[in-house]
C-alpha cells in the first residue's frame, strides 16, 4: 500500500513528530511505501487566497470556490499545490 503522511508542525521533535516517525517505521516494517509531506518544513502556504492560482476568471470579484473549481479544470493552481495534489493521486 502507498501511504502519504501530511505533517504540519513547527517542531519535528514534538510528540506529533515522534508519532509521525513511529508511523513511518511501522508502515515500512509492514512493507508499505511511505511518502511524507512536511508542509511546515516546506514553507507551504496553508491558507487559501488569490495567490493559489496562476490565473483568475474573476479577479475583480474574487470567489475562492469558483476559482478552485475552475483551477481543477484548467490546471490554474500554482506549482506547489499541483505537486501536493499529485502526491494524493
PDB file of N, CA and C in Angstrom:
ATOM      1  N   UNK A   1       0.839  -1.165   0.000  1.00  0.00           N
ATOM      2  CA  UNK A   1       0.000   0.000   0.000  1.00  0.00           C
ATOM      3  C   UNK A   1       0.891   1.237   0.000  1.00  0.00           C
ATOM      4  N   UNK A   2       0.484   2.253  -0.742  1.00  0.00           N
ATOM      5  CA  UNK A   2       1.152   3.546  -0.732  1.00  0.00           C
ATOM      6  C   UNK A   2       0.509   4.409   0.336  1.00  0.00           C
ATOM      7  N   UNK A   3       1.338   5.058   1.131  1.00  0.00           N
ATOM      8  CA  UNK A   3       0.833   5.896   2.218  1.00  0.00           C
ATOM      9  C   UNK A   3       1.459   7.277   2.110  1.00  0.00           C
ATOM     10  N   UNK A   4       0.608   8.297   2.192  1.00  0.00           N
ATOM     11  CA  UNK A   4       1.080   9.675   2.237  1.00  0.00           C
ATOM     12  C   UNK A   4       0.744  10.225   3.607  1.00  0.00           C
ATOM     13  N   UNK A   5       1.762  10.665   4.316  1.00  0.00           N
ATOM     14  CA  UNK A   5       1.575  11.306   5.617  1.00  0.00           C
ATOM     15  C   UNK A   5       1.781  12.799   5.412  1.00  0.00           C
ATOM     16  N   UNK A   6       0.763  13.571   5.746  1.00  0.00           N
ATOM     17  CA  UNK A   6       0.860  15.030   5.672  1.00  0.00           C
ATOM     18  C   UNK A   6       1.108  15.522   7.093  1.00  0.00           C
ATOM     19  N   UNK A   7       2.263  16.128   7.283  1.00  0.00           N
ATOM     20  CA  UNK A   7       2.698  16.567   8.606  1.00  0.00           C
ATOM     21  C   UNK A   7       2.880  18.077   8.594  1.00  0.00           C
ATOM     22  N   UNK A   8       2.301  18.748   9.579  1.00  0.00           N
ATOM     23  CA  UNK A   8       2.444  20.200   9.683  1.00  0.00           C
ATOM     24  C   UNK A   8       2.664  20.549  11.147  1.00  0.00           C
ATOM     25  N   UNK A   9       3.925  20.752  11.513  1.00  0.00           N
ATOM     26  CA  UNK A   9       4.236  21.116  12.892  1.00  0.00           C
ATOM     27  C   UNK A   9       5.577  21.841  12.893  1.00  0.00           C
ATOM     28  N   UNK A  10       5.704  22.916  13.662  1.00  0.00           N
ATOM     29  CA  UNK A  10       6.959  23.663  13.652  1.00  0.00           C
ATOM     30  C   UNK A  10       8.131  22.932  14.310  1.00  0.00           C
ATOM     31  N   UNK A  11       7.844  21.922  15.134  1.00  0.00           N
ATOM     32  CA  UNK A  11       8.910  21.211  15.834  1.00  0.00           C
ATOM     33  C   UNK A  11       8.884  19.737  15.438  1.00  0.00           C
ATOM     34  N   UNK A  12       9.823  19.300  14.601  1.00  0.00           N
ATOM     35  CA  UNK A  12       9.828  17.902  14.171  1.00  0.00           C
ATOM     36  C   UNK A  12      10.089  16.926  15.318  1.00  0.00           C
ATOM     37  N   UNK A  13      10.582  17.420  16.461  1.00  0.00           N
ATOM     38  CA  UNK A  13      10.841  16.555  17.611  1.00  0.00           C
ATOM     39  C   UNK A  13       9.701  16.557  18.618  1.00  0.00           C
ATOM     40  N   UNK A  14       8.582  17.176  18.251  1.00  0.00           N
ATOM     41  CA  UNK A  14       7.413  17.222  19.128  1.00  0.00           C
ATOM     42  C   UNK A  14       6.796  15.830  19.252  1.00  0.00           C
ATOM     43  N   UNK A  15       5.803  15.718  20.115  1.00  0.00           N
ATOM     44  CA  UNK A  15       5.067  14.462  20.238  1.00  0.00           C
ATOM     45  C   UNK A  15       4.468  14.062  18.892  1.00  0.00           C
ATOM     46  N   UNK A  16       3.909  15.039  18.173  1.00  0.00           N
ATOM     47  CA  UNK A  16       3.350  14.747  16.853  1.00  0.00           C
ATOM     48  C   UNK A  16       4.437  14.263  15.898  1.00  0.00           C
ATOM     49  N   UNK A  17       5.609  14.868  15.986  1.00  0.00           N
ATOM     50  CA  UNK A  17       6.715  14.431  15.137  1.00  0.00           C
ATOM     51  C   UNK A  17       7.146  13.009  15.446  1.00  0.00           C
ATOM     52  N   UNK A  18       7.168  12.672  16.719  1.00  0.00           N
ATOM     53  CA  UNK A  18       7.529  11.300  17.106  1.00  0.00           C
ATOM     54  C   UNK A  18       6.461  10.311  16.657  1.00  0.00           C
ATOM     55  N   UNK A  19       5.193  10.721  16.729  1.00  0.00           N
ATOM     56  CA  UNK A  19       4.120   9.840  16.226  1.00  0.00           C
ATOM     57  C   UNK A  19       4.277   9.605  14.727  1.00  0.00           C
ATOM     58  N   UNK A  20       4.600  10.671  13.988  1.00  0.00           N
ATOM     59  CA  UNK A  20       4.818  10.541  12.542  1.00  0.00           C
ATOM     60  C   UNK A  20       5.958   9.567  12.274  1.00  0.00           C
ATOM     61  N   UNK A  21       7.062   9.734  12.998  1.00  0.00           N
ATOM     62  CA  UNK A  21       8.219   8.859  12.792  1.00  0.00           C
ATOM     63  C   UNK A  21       7.884   7.403  13.104  1.00  0.00           C
ATOM     64  N   UNK A  22       7.124   7.177  14.164  1.00  0.00           N
ATOM     65  CA  UNK A  22       6.731   5.813  14.527  1.00  0.00           C
ATOM     66  C   UNK A  22       5.812   5.217  13.469  1.00  0.00           C
ATOM     67  N   UNK A  23       4.897   6.030  12.957  1.00  0.00           N
ATOM     68  CA  UNK A  23       4.003   5.552  11.894  1.00  0.00           C
ATOM     69  C   UNK A  23       4.806   5.156  10.662  1.00  0.00           C
ATOM     70  N   UNK A  24       5.777   5.981  10.290  1.00  0.00           N
ATOM     71  CA  UNK A  24       6.633   5.663   9.142  1.00  0.00           C
ATOM     72  C   UNK A  24       7.351   4.343   9.378  1.00  0.00           C
ATOM     73  N   UNK A  25       7.947   4.210  10.550  1.00  0.00           N
ATOM     74  CA  UNK A  25       8.691   2.989  10.907  1.00  0.00           C
ATOM     75  C   UNK A  25       7.792   1.755  10.810  1.00  0.00           C
ATOM     76  N   UNK A  26       6.624   1.820  11.416  1.00  0.00           N
ATOM     77  CA  UNK A  26       5.710   0.667  11.426  1.00  0.00           C
ATOM     78  C   UNK A  26       5.215   0.329  10.024  1.00  0.00           C
ATOM     79  N   UNK A  27       4.888   1.343   9.244  1.00  0.00           N
ATOM     80  CA  UNK A  27       4.393   1.097   7.890  1.00  0.00           C
ATOM     81  C   UNK A  27       5.466   0.469   7.011  1.00  0.00           C
ATOM     82  N   UNK A  28       6.685   0.964   7.118  1.00  0.00           N
ATOM     83  CA  UNK A  28       7.787   0.402   6.330  1.00  0.00           C
ATOM     84  C   UNK A  28       8.058  -1.042   6.746  1.00  0.00           C
ATOM     85  N   UNK A  29       8.038  -1.309   8.046  1.00  0.00           N
ATOM     86  CA  UNK A  29       8.233  -2.680   8.537  1.00  0.00           C
ATOM     87  C   UNK A  29       7.194  -3.633   7.964  1.00  0.00           C
ATOM     88  N   UNK A  30       5.991  -3.130   7.713  1.00  0.00           N
ATOM     89  CA  UNK A  30       4.912  -3.950   7.163  1.00  0.00           C
ATOM     90  C   UNK A  30       4.951  -4.007   5.636  1.00  0.00           C
ATOM     91  N   UNK A  31       5.960  -3.374   5.030  1.00  0.00           N
ATOM     92  CA  UNK A  31       6.147  -3.458   3.586  1.00  0.00           C
ATOM     93  C   UNK A  31       5.448  -2.379   2.785  1.00  0.00           C
ATOM     94  N   UNK A  32       4.969  -1.361   3.446  1.00  0.00           N
ATOM     95  CA  UNK A  32       4.275  -0.288   2.741  1.00  0.00           C
ATOM     96  C   UNK A  32       5.266   0.764   2.252  1.00  0.00           C
ATOM     97  N   UNK A  33       4.886   1.435   1.173  1.00  0.00           N
ATOM     98  CA  UNK A  33       5.661   2.577   0.705  1.00  0.00           C
ATOM     99  C   UNK A  33       5.126   3.809   1.411  1.00  0.00           C
ATOM    100  N   UNK A  34       6.033   4.644   1.911  1.00  0.00           N
ATOM    101  CA  UNK A  34       5.629   5.815   2.681  1.00  0.00           C
ATOM    102  C   UNK A  34       6.265   7.066   2.082  1.00  0.00           C
ATOM    103  N   UNK A  35       5.438   8.070   1.897  1.00  0.00           N
ATOM    104  CA  UNK A  35       5.909   9.383   1.462  1.00  0.00           C
ATOM    105  C   UNK A  35       5.406  10.397   2.486  1.00  0.00           C
ATOM    106  N   UNK A  36       6.242  11.370   2.821  1.00  0.00           N
ATOM    107  CA  UNK A  36       5.868  12.380   3.807  1.00  0.00           C
ATOM    108  C   UNK A  36       5.908  13.759   3.162  1.00  0.00           C
ATOM    109  N   UNK A  37       4.844  14.510   3.360  1.00  0.00           N
ATOM    110  CA  UNK A  37       4.837  15.925   3.016  1.00  0.00           C
ATOM    111  C   UNK A  37       4.890  16.688   4.327  1.00  0.00           C
ATOM    112  N   UNK A  38       6.034  17.284   4.609  1.00  0.00           N
ATOM    113  CA  UNK A  38       6.190  18.096   5.805  1.00  0.00           C
ATOM    114  C   UNK A  38       5.943  19.544   5.392  1.00  0.00           C
ATOM    115  N   UNK A  39       4.677  19.946   5.450  1.00  0.00           N
ATOM    116  CA  UNK A  39       4.290  21.243   4.924  1.00  0.00           C
ATOM    117  C   UNK A  39       4.959  22.408   5.647  1.00  0.00           C
ATOM    118  N   UNK A  40       5.162  22.285   6.939  1.00  0.00           N
ATOM    119  CA  UNK A  40       5.816  23.362   7.678  1.00  0.00           C
ATOM    120  C   UNK A  40       7.263  23.515   7.209  1.00  0.00           C
ATOM    121  N   UNK A  41       7.970  22.413   7.081  1.00  0.00           N
ATOM    122  CA  UNK A  41       9.364  22.455   6.632  1.00  0.00           C
ATOM    123  C   UNK A  41       9.481  22.980   5.199  1.00  0.00           C
ATOM    124  N   UNK A  42       8.429  22.757   4.407  1.00  0.00           N
ATOM    125  CA  UNK A  42       8.421  23.208   3.010  1.00  0.00           C
ATOM    126  C   UNK A  42       7.993  24.673   2.877  1.00  0.00           C
ATOM    127  N   UNK A  43       7.623  25.303   4.000  1.00  0.00           N
ATOM    128  CA  UNK A  43       7.065  26.657   3.967  1.00  0.00           C
ATOM    129  C   UNK A  43       5.831  26.729   3.078  1.00  0.00           C
ATOM    130  N   UNK A  44       5.062  25.643   3.086  1.00  0.00           N
ATOM    131  CA  UNK A  44       3.844  25.570   2.290  1.00  0.00           C
ATOM    132  C   UNK A  44       2.811  26.529   2.873  1.00  0.00           C
ATOM    133  N   UNK A  45       2.235  27.357   2.028  1.00  0.00           N
ATOM    134  CA  UNK A  45       1.231  28.321   2.464  1.00  0.00           C
ATOM    135  C   UNK A  45      -0.091  27.579   2.682  1.00  0.00           C
ATOM    136  N   UNK A  46      -0.525  27.518   3.922  1.00  0.00           N
ATOM    137  CA  UNK A  46      -1.695  26.701   4.266  1.00  0.00           C
ATOM    138  C   UNK A  46      -3.008  27.473   4.279  1.00  0.00           C
ATOM    139  N   UNK A  47      -3.000  28.699   3.829  1.00  0.00           N
ATOM    140  CA  UNK A  47      -4.248  29.451   3.734  1.00  0.00           C
ATOM    141  C   UNK A  47      -4.608  29.624   2.267  1.00  0.00           C
ATOM    142  N   UNK A  48      -5.884  29.585   1.975  1.00  0.00           N
ATOM    143  CA  UNK A  48      -6.344  29.707   0.591  1.00  0.00           C
ATOM    144  C   UNK A  48      -6.641  31.169   0.267  1.00  0.00           C
ATOM    145  N   UNK A  49      -6.076  31.650  -0.858  1.00  0.00           N
ATOM    146  CA  UNK A  49      -6.340  33.011  -1.303  1.00  0.00           C
ATOM    147  C   UNK A  49      -6.012  33.133  -2.784  1.00  0.00           C
ATOM    148  N   UNK A  50      -6.020  34.358  -3.292  1.00  0.00           N
ATOM    149  CA  UNK A  50      -5.773  34.595  -4.717  1.00  0.00           C
ATOM    150  C   UNK A  50      -4.393  34.139  -5.164  1.00  0.00           C
ATOM    151  N   UNK A  51      -3.452  34.058  -4.245  1.00  0.00           N
ATOM    152  CA  UNK A  51      -2.097  33.645  -4.592  1.00  0.00           C
ATOM    153  C   UNK A  51      -1.961  32.175  -4.940  1.00  0.00           C
ATOM    154  N   UNK A  52      -3.042  31.411  -4.809  1.00  0.00           N
ATOM    155  CA  UNK A  52      -3.008  29.979  -5.116  1.00  0.00           C
ATOM    156  C   UNK A  52      -3.196  29.669  -6.601  1.00  0.00           C
ATOM    157  N   UNK A  53      -3.417  30.698  -7.401  1.00  0.00           N
ATOM    158  CA  UNK A  53      -3.789  30.490  -8.794  1.00  0.00           C
ATOM    159  C   UNK A  53      -2.846  31.232  -9.739  1.00  0.00           C
ATOM    160  N   UNK A  54      -2.600  30.622 -10.882  1.00  0.00           N
ATOM    161  CA  UNK A  54      -1.773  31.266 -11.895  1.00  0.00           C
ATOM    162  C   UNK A  54      -2.594  32.226 -12.743  1.00  0.00           C
ATOM    163  N   UNK A  55      -3.899  32.058 -12.747  1.00  0.00           N
ATOM    164  CA  UNK A  55      -4.803  32.981 -13.425  1.00  0.00           C
ATOM    165  C   UNK A  55      -6.150  32.935 -12.709  1.00  0.00           C
ATOM    166  N   UNK A  56      -6.898  34.015 -12.821  1.00  0.00           N
ATOM    167  CA  UNK A  56      -8.215  34.110 -12.188  1.00  0.00           C
ATOM    168  C   UNK A  56      -9.267  34.396 -13.249  1.00  0.00           C
ATOM    169  N   UNK A  57     -10.445  33.809 -13.068  1.00  0.00           N
ATOM    170  CA  UNK A  57     -11.507  34.086 -14.037  1.00  0.00           C
ATOM    171  C   UNK A  57     -12.283  35.341 -13.672  1.00  0.00           C
ATOM    172  N   UNK A  58     -12.271  35.702 -12.391  1.00  0.00           N
ATOM    173  CA  UNK A  58     -12.945  36.928 -11.955  1.00  0.00           C
ATOM    174  C   UNK A  58     -12.076  37.675 -10.937  1.00  0.00           C
ATOM    175  N   UNK A  59     -10.970  38.249 -11.372  1.00  0.00           N
ATOM    176  CA  UNK A  59     -10.074  38.923 -10.427  1.00  0.00           C
ATOM    177  C   UNK A  59     -10.708  40.135  -9.747  1.00  0.00           C
ATOM    178  N   UNK A  60     -11.674  40.747 -10.407  1.00  0.00           N
ATOM    179  CA  UNK A  60     -12.302  41.938  -9.827  1.00  0.00           C
ATOM    180  C   UNK A  60     -13.281  41.597  -8.708  1.00  0.00           C
ATOM    181  N   UNK A  61     -13.720  40.349  -8.641  1.00  0.00           N
ATOM    182  CA  UNK A  61     -14.668  39.906  -7.608  1.00  0.00           C
ATOM    183  C   UNK A  61     -14.297  38.484  -7.199  1.00  0.00           C
ATOM    184  N   UNK A  62     -13.202  38.346  -6.449  1.00  0.00           N
ATOM    185  CA  UNK A  62     -12.632  37.044  -6.116  1.00  0.00           C
ATOM    186  C   UNK A  62     -13.620  36.167  -5.358  1.00  0.00           C
ATOM    187  N   UNK A  63     -13.828  34.975  -5.883  1.00  0.00           N
ATOM    188  CA  UNK A  63     -14.690  33.960  -5.266  1.00  0.00           C
ATOM    189  C   UNK A  63     -13.852  32.686  -5.180  1.00  0.00           C
ATOM    190  N   UNK A  64     -13.403  32.347  -3.981  1.00  0.00           N
ATOM    191  CA  UNK A  64     -12.472  31.231  -3.796  1.00  0.00           C
ATOM    192  C   UNK A  64     -13.011  29.932  -4.373  1.00  0.00           C
ATOM    193  N   UNK A  65     -14.244  29.594  -4.051  1.00  0.00           N
ATOM    194  CA  UNK A  65     -14.793  28.321  -4.526  1.00  0.00           C
ATOM    195  C   UNK A  65     -14.902  28.281  -6.041  1.00  0.00           C
ATOM    196  N   UNK A  66     -15.308  29.362  -6.649  1.00  0.00           N
ATOM    197  CA  UNK A  66     -15.399  29.432  -8.103  1.00  0.00           C
ATOM    198  C   UNK A  66     -14.017  29.255  -8.729  1.00  0.00           C
ATOM    199  N   UNK A  67     -13.033  29.951  -8.182  1.00  0.00           N
ATOM    200  CA  UNK A  67     -11.668  29.861  -8.722  1.00  0.00           C
ATOM    201  C   UNK A  67     -11.081  28.467  -8.529  1.00  0.00           C
ATOM    202  N   UNK A  68     -11.350  27.840  -7.374  1.00  0.00           N
ATOM    203  CA  UNK A  68     -10.860  26.477  -7.146  1.00  0.00           C
ATOM    204  C   UNK A  68     -11.488  25.501  -8.135  1.00  0.00           C
ATOM    205  N   UNK A  69     -12.781  25.638  -8.348  1.00  0.00           N
ATOM    206  CA  UNK A  69     -13.480  24.766  -9.295  1.00  0.00           C
ATOM    207  C   UNK A  69     -12.893  24.924 -10.696  1.00  0.00           C
ATOM    208  N   UNK A  70     -12.673  26.151 -11.102  1.00  0.00           N
ATOM    209  CA  UNK A  70     -12.105  26.426 -12.424  1.00  0.00           C
ATOM    210  C   UNK A  70     -10.671  25.908 -12.524  1.00  0.00           C
ATOM    211  N   UNK A  71      -9.891  26.094 -11.468  1.00  0.00           N
ATOM    212  CA  UNK A  71      -8.498  25.640 -11.486  1.00  0.00           C
ATOM    213  C   UNK A  71      -8.398  24.122 -11.584  1.00  0.00           C
ATOM    214  N   UNK A  72      -9.359  23.412 -11.035  1.00  0.00           N
ATOM    215  CA  UNK A  72      -9.363  21.948 -11.168  1.00  0.00           C
ATOM    216  C   UNK A  72      -9.520  21.546 -12.631  1.00  0.00           C
ATOM    217  N   UNK A  73     -10.264  22.314 -13.390  1.00  0.00           N
ATOM    218  CA  UNK A  73     -10.499  22.017 -14.807  1.00  0.00           C
ATOM    219  C   UNK A  73      -9.338  22.503 -15.677  1.00  0.00           C
ATOM    220  N   UNK A  74      -8.854  23.702 -15.398  1.00  0.00           N
ATOM    221  CA  UNK A  74      -7.853  24.324 -16.269  1.00  0.00           C
ATOM    222  C   UNK A  74      -6.412  24.117 -15.822  1.00  0.00           C
ATOM    223  N   UNK A  75      -6.219  23.640 -14.588  1.00  0.00           N
ATOM    224  CA  UNK A  75      -4.864  23.457 -14.085  1.00  0.00           C
ATOM    225  C   UNK A  75      -4.211  24.753 -13.646  1.00  0.00           C
ATOM    226  N   UNK A  76      -5.016  25.727 -13.232  1.00  0.00           N
ATOM    227  CA  UNK A  76      -4.501  27.053 -12.879  1.00  0.00           C
ATOM    228  C   UNK A  76      -4.011  27.170 -11.437  1.00  0.00           C
ATOM    229  N   UNK A  77      -3.837  26.066 -10.751  1.00  0.00           N
ATOM    230  CA  UNK A  77      -3.239  26.128  -9.417  1.00  0.00           C
ATOM    231  C   UNK A  77      -1.744  26.395  -9.549  1.00  0.00           C
ATOM    232  N   UNK A  78      -1.159  26.969  -8.513  1.00  0.00           N
ATOM    233  CA  UNK A  78       0.285  27.188  -8.509  1.00  0.00           C
ATOM    234  C   UNK A  78       1.004  25.834  -8.407  1.00  0.00           C
ATOM    235  N   UNK A  79       2.271  25.839  -8.756  1.00  0.00           N
ATOM    236  CA  UNK A  79       3.037  24.583  -8.838  1.00  0.00           C
ATOM    237  C   UNK A  79       3.104  23.846  -7.508  1.00  0.00           C
ATOM    238  N   UNK A  80       3.246  24.571  -6.392  1.00  0.00           N
ATOM    239  CA  UNK A  80       3.329  23.894  -5.092  1.00  0.00           C
ATOM    240  C   UNK A  80       2.049  23.116  -4.789  1.00  0.00           C
ATOM    241  N   UNK A  81       0.919  23.661  -5.163  1.00  0.00           N
ATOM    242  CA  UNK A  81      -0.355  22.959  -4.956  1.00  0.00           C
ATOM    243  C   UNK A  81      -0.461  21.760  -5.887  1.00  0.00           C
ATOM    244  N   UNK A  82      -0.044  21.928  -7.131  1.00  0.00           N
ATOM    245  CA  UNK A  82      -0.091  20.809  -8.084  1.00  0.00           C
ATOM    246  C   UNK A  82       0.762  19.633  -7.611  1.00  0.00           C
ATOM    247  N   UNK A  83       1.921  19.928  -7.044  1.00  0.00           N
ATOM    248  CA  UNK A  83       2.812  18.872  -6.548  1.00  0.00           C
ATOM    249  C   UNK A  83       2.126  18.078  -5.446  1.00  0.00           C
ATOM    250  N   UNK A  84       1.501  18.779  -4.501  1.00  0.00           N
ATOM    251  CA  UNK A  84       0.806  18.074  -3.397  1.00  0.00           C
ATOM    252  C   UNK A  84      -0.404  17.305  -3.915  1.00  0.00           C
ATOM    253  N   UNK A  85      -1.113  17.838  -4.893  1.00  0.00           N
ATOM    254  CA  UNK A  85      -2.242  17.123  -5.479  1.00  0.00           C
ATOM    255  C   UNK A  85      -1.777  15.825  -6.153  1.00  0.00           C
ATOM    256  N   UNK A  86      -0.652  15.875  -6.833  1.00  0.00           N
ATOM    257  CA  UNK A  86      -0.112  14.676  -7.495  1.00  0.00           C
ATOM    258  C   UNK A  86       0.226  13.601  -6.466  1.00  0.00           C
ATOM    259  N   UNK A  87       0.730  14.015  -5.312  1.00  0.00           N
ATOM    260  CA  UNK A  87       1.045  13.042  -4.256  1.00  0.00           C
ATOM    261  C   UNK A  87      -0.218  12.326  -3.792  1.00  0.00           C
ATOM    262  N   UNK A  88      -1.315  13.038  -3.726  1.00  0.00           N
ATOM    263  CA  UNK A  88      -2.575  12.425  -3.296  1.00  0.00           C
ATOM    264  C   UNK A  88      -3.091  11.407  -4.308  1.00  0.00           C
ATOM    265  N   UNK A  89      -2.830  11.651  -5.574  1.00  0.00           N
ATOM    266  CA  UNK A  89      -3.277  10.701  -6.606  1.00  0.00           C
ATOM    267  C   UNK A  89      -2.488   9.423  -6.507  1.00  0.00           C
TER     268      UNK A  89
END
